[in-house]
């Protein structure tokens, strides 16, 4: 039986719940471990998937597995770095690319196993965007498990590389002196729990709650 490990750094991250669901659906097909830290890696296996993993997974950890794979929401090598799908939406894009690649010591540089496109209609809010992303990630994980021994990875073209900075709470600030329509994409990608949209008025800070009807 194929031995698979899934590493997500935060049990409170919405990606973790998606991985719990995938594990429940596939534990009759594969031997699956769900981990939250590289320190939990102790068994050898075939595939280790890094999903919303904030740790550096060194070669000594990757050597436990035949392949260590990263799920990165960008059309690599473009947009290496932090939260590429969020930045893409802020910049007005409605098609996101999800890349499945080999993990290496240098972040986001490994050979590509597969890319898929995720289409948005422009109305999705934060949770809906995440759900579409997680659905695509789980499909890629399933695909990799089913095709692990026939994949021919494609090296990245290093000439087309750029890097994104990590988002901060300040990126959730809305300017009430500008039209809301100009800031709608920024508003809908703000994490309503961890980094909610907000604005300042008369010396007070106000949290913005957005719902779709």
Protein backbone atom coordinates (compact mmCIF):
# COMPACT_ATOMS: atom_id res chain seq x y z
CA UNK A 1 0.00 0.00 0.00
CA UNK A 2 1.23 3.48 -0.92
CA UNK A 3 2.46 5.40 2.15
CA UNK A 4 1.45 9.07 2.09
CA UNK A 5 2.11 11.88 4.56
CA UNK A 6 0.41 15.29 4.58
CA UNK A 7 2.15 18.15 6.38
CA UNK A 8 0.19 21.29 7.30
CA UNK A 9 1.69 23.54 9.97
CA UNK A 10 -1.49 24.77 11.63
CA UNK A 11 -4.49 22.71 12.75
CA UNK A 12 -6.55 25.90 12.71
CA UNK A 13 -5.71 26.63 9.08
CA UNK A 14 -8.65 25.93 6.74
CA UNK A 15 -6.35 23.76 4.60
CA UNK A 16 -5.96 21.35 7.51
CA UNK A 17 -9.69 20.61 7.53
CA UNK A 18 -9.54 19.87 3.80
CA UNK A 19 -6.69 17.41 4.40
CA UNK A 20 -8.64 15.69 7.19
CA UNK A 21 -11.46 15.21 4.69
CA UNK A 22 -9.10 13.80 2.02
CA UNK A 23 -7.56 11.40 4.54
CA UNK A 24 -10.99 10.09 5.54
CA UNK A 25 -11.92 9.50 1.90
CA UNK A 26 -8.70 7.69 0.98
CA UNK A 27 -7.51 5.79 4.06
CA UNK A 28 -8.77 2.52 2.56
CA UNK A 29 -6.57 3.07 -0.52
CA UNK A 30 -3.41 4.45 1.09
CA UNK A 31 -1.58 4.43 4.40
CA UNK A 32 -1.92 8.11 5.38
CA UNK A 33 -0.34 10.25 8.10
CA UNK A 34 -1.48 13.81 8.80
CA UNK A 35 1.32 15.85 10.38
CA UNK A 36 1.70 19.39 11.73
CA UNK A 37 5.49 19.50 12.18
CA UNK A 38 8.62 18.04 10.60
CA UNK A 39 9.45 16.74 14.08
CA UNK A 40 6.59 14.26 13.66
CA UNK A 41 8.23 12.64 10.63
CA UNK A 42 9.48 9.25 11.74
CA UNK A 43 8.24 6.71 9.19
CA UNK A 44 9.53 6.24 5.66
CA UNK A 45 7.02 6.62 2.87
CA UNK A 46 6.42 7.25 -0.81
CA UNK A 47 4.95 10.76 -0.90
CA UNK A 48 5.10 13.73 1.47
CA UNK A 49 2.83 16.63 0.54
CA UNK A 50 3.49 20.12 1.94
CA UNK A 51 0.23 22.06 2.13
CA UNK A 52 0.26 25.49 3.81
CA UNK A 53 3.51 24.45 5.47
CA UNK A 54 5.41 27.29 7.17
CA UNK A 55 8.42 25.18 8.15
CA UNK A 56 11.60 24.59 6.20
CA UNK A 57 11.61 20.90 5.29
CA UNK A 58 15.29 20.02 5.04
CA UNK A 59 16.80 17.23 2.97
CA UNK A 60 17.19 15.08 6.08
CA UNK A 61 13.39 15.13 6.43
CA UNK A 62 12.69 14.75 2.71
CA UNK A 63 14.94 11.70 2.56
CA UNK A 64 12.30 9.75 4.49
CA UNK A 65 10.21 9.82 1.31
CA UNK A 66 10.70 8.95 -2.33
CA UNK A 67 9.17 12.32 -3.25
CA UNK A 68 8.35 15.48 -1.30
CA UNK A 69 5.86 17.67 -3.13
CA UNK A 70 4.72 21.24 -2.62
CA UNK A 71 1.36 22.71 -3.61
CA UNK A 72 1.91 26.35 -4.62
CA UNK A 73 -0.88 28.59 -5.90
CA UNK A 74 0.98 30.29 -8.75
CA UNK A 75 2.14 29.66 -12.30
CA UNK A 76 5.72 28.89 -11.30
CA UNK A 77 8.36 30.16 -11.72
CA UNK A 78 6.27 33.35 -11.74
CA UNK A 79 5.17 34.67 -8.37
CA UNK A 80 7.34 32.70 -6.00
CA UNK A 81 6.86 33.64 -2.38
CA UNK A 82 3.87 34.36 -0.18
CA UNK A 83 0.11 34.12 -0.88
CA UNK A 84 0.39 34.28 -4.70
CA UNK A 85 -3.31 33.56 -5.29
CA UNK A 86 -4.31 36.39 -2.94
CA UNK A 87 -2.03 38.87 -4.69
CA UNK A 88 -3.37 37.68 -8.07
CA UNK A 89 -6.96 38.42 -7.02
CA UNK A 90 -6.02 41.82 -5.58
CA UNK A 91 -4.52 42.58 -9.00
CA UNK A 92 -7.77 41.70 -10.75
CA UNK A 93 -7.12 38.16 -11.99
CA UNK A 94 -9.95 35.64 -12.15
CA UNK A 95 -7.86 32.64 -13.23
CA UNK A 96 -5.46 31.18 -10.67
CA UNK A 97 -2.82 28.55 -11.36
CA UNK A 98 -1.93 25.82 -8.89
CA UNK A 99 1.45 24.14 -9.30
CA UNK A 100 2.52 20.79 -7.90
CA UNK A 101 6.31 20.66 -7.65
CA UNK A 102 9.21 18.82 -6.09
CA UNK A 103 10.51 20.33 -2.84
CA UNK A 104 14.13 21.49 -2.79
CA UNK A 105 16.35 23.37 -0.35
CA UNK A 106 15.67 26.59 -2.26
CA UNK A 107 11.99 27.53 -1.94
CA UNK A 108 9.65 27.06 -4.93
CA UNK A 109 12.42 25.99 -7.30
CA UNK A 110 11.79 22.28 -7.87
CA UNK A 111 10.65 20.58 -11.05
CA UNK A 112 6.94 20.82 -11.86
CA UNK A 113 4.77 17.70 -11.77
CA UNK A 114 1.57 19.33 -12.94
CA UNK A 115 -0.28 22.64 -13.15
CA UNK A 116 -4.04 23.24 -13.07
CA UNK A 117 -6.09 26.40 -13.55
CA UNK A 118 -8.79 27.54 -11.12
CA UNK A 119 -11.46 29.81 -12.57
CA UNK A 120 -13.20 32.44 -10.45
CA UNK A 121 -16.25 34.47 -11.47
CA UNK A 122 -15.15 37.51 -9.48
CA UNK A 123 -17.84 37.31 -6.81
CA UNK A 124 -16.22 34.78 -4.46
CA UNK A 125 -15.41 35.81 -0.93
CA UNK A 126 -12.51 34.51 1.17
CA UNK A 127 -14.02 31.17 2.20
CA UNK A 128 -15.26 30.44 -1.32
CA UNK A 129 -11.85 31.22 -2.80
CA UNK A 130 -10.23 28.89 -0.29
CA UNK A 131 -12.71 26.12 -1.05
CA UNK A 132 -11.97 26.25 -4.78
CA UNK A 133 -8.23 26.25 -4.04
CA UNK A 134 -8.47 23.33 -1.59
CA UNK A 135 -10.62 21.31 -4.00
CA UNK A 136 -7.95 21.73 -6.67
CA UNK A 137 -5.19 20.83 -4.20
CA UNK A 138 -6.93 17.62 -3.17
CA UNK A 139 -7.44 16.68 -6.81
CA UNK A 140 -3.72 17.16 -7.45
CA UNK A 141 -2.82 15.08 -4.39
CA UNK A 142 -5.07 12.29 -5.65
CA UNK A 143 -3.60 12.57 -9.14
CA UNK A 144 -0.04 12.36 -7.79
CA UNK A 145 -0.85 9.26 -5.74
CA UNK A 146 -2.39 7.57 -8.75
CA UNK A 147 0.43 8.48 -11.15
CA UNK A 148 3.51 8.64 -8.92
CA UNK A 149 5.53 6.09 -10.89
CA UNK A 150 4.84 7.52 -14.35
CA UNK A 151 5.46 11.24 -13.79
CA UNK A 152 8.17 13.01 -15.80
CA UNK A 153 8.72 16.37 -14.00
CA UNK A 154 9.49 19.54 -15.98
CA UNK A 155 12.34 21.81 -14.79
CA UNK A 156 11.42 25.45 -14.16
CA UNK A 157 12.55 28.26 -16.45
CA UNK A 158 14.61 30.42 -14.11
CA UNK A 159 14.50 33.41 -16.48
CA UNK A 160 10.83 34.14 -15.66
CA UNK A 161 11.10 34.44 -11.88
CA UNK A 162 9.72 37.08 -9.53
CA UNK A 163 9.07 37.07 -5.77
CA UNK A 164 6.11 38.19 -3.67
CA UNK A 165 6.31 39.61 -0.16
CA UNK A 166 4.37 38.21 2.78
CA UNK A 167 1.04 39.90 3.40
CA UNK A 168 0.61 41.81 6.65
CA UNK A 169 -2.46 43.01 8.59
CA UNK A 170 -1.89 46.44 7.03
CA UNK A 171 -2.84 44.96 3.64
CA UNK A 172 -6.40 44.61 4.96
CA UNK A 173 -6.88 48.35 5.46
CA UNK A 174 -9.61 49.91 3.31
CA UNK A 175 -9.40 53.58 2.32
CA UNK A 176 -12.85 55.07 2.94
CA UNK A 177 -11.93 58.06 0.78
CA UNK A 178 -11.79 55.84 -2.32
CA UNK A 179 -14.73 54.16 -4.10
CA UNK A 180 -15.49 50.70 -2.69
CA UNK A 181 -15.69 49.22 -6.18
CA UNK A 182 -11.99 50.01 -6.63
CA UNK A 183 -11.16 48.04 -3.45
CA UNK A 184 -13.60 45.17 -3.80
CA UNK A 185 -10.95 42.58 -4.66
CA UNK A 186 -8.88 43.67 -1.68
CA UNK A 187 -11.94 43.45 0.56
CA UNK A 188 -12.95 39.95 -0.50
CA UNK A 189 -9.53 38.36 0.05
CA UNK A 190 -9.14 39.55 3.65
CA UNK A 191 -9.23 36.68 6.14
CA UNK A 192 -12.32 37.57 8.22
CA UNK A 193 -10.93 35.82 11.32
CA UNK A 194 -7.20 36.45 11.33
CA UNK A 195 -6.82 39.58 9.16
CA UNK A 196 -10.25 41.21 8.74
CA UNK A 197 -10.71 44.26 6.55
CA UNK A 198 -10.81 47.50 8.51
CA UNK A 199 -10.71 51.28 8.24
CA UNK A 200 -10.03 54.27 10.48
CA UNK A 201 -12.48 57.13 11.06
CA UNK A 202 -12.32 59.91 13.65
CA UNK A 203 -9.50 58.20 15.50
CA UNK A 204 -11.33 54.86 15.76
CA UNK A 205 -10.62 51.58 14.02
CA UNK A 206 -13.60 49.75 12.48
CA UNK A 207 -13.74 46.11 11.41
CA UNK A 208 -15.56 45.36 8.16
CA UNK A 209 -17.78 42.29 7.82
CA UNK A 210 -18.79 41.25 4.31
CA UNK A 211 -21.39 38.63 3.40
CA UNK A 212 -22.90 37.57 0.10
CA UNK A 213 -26.69 37.36 -0.37
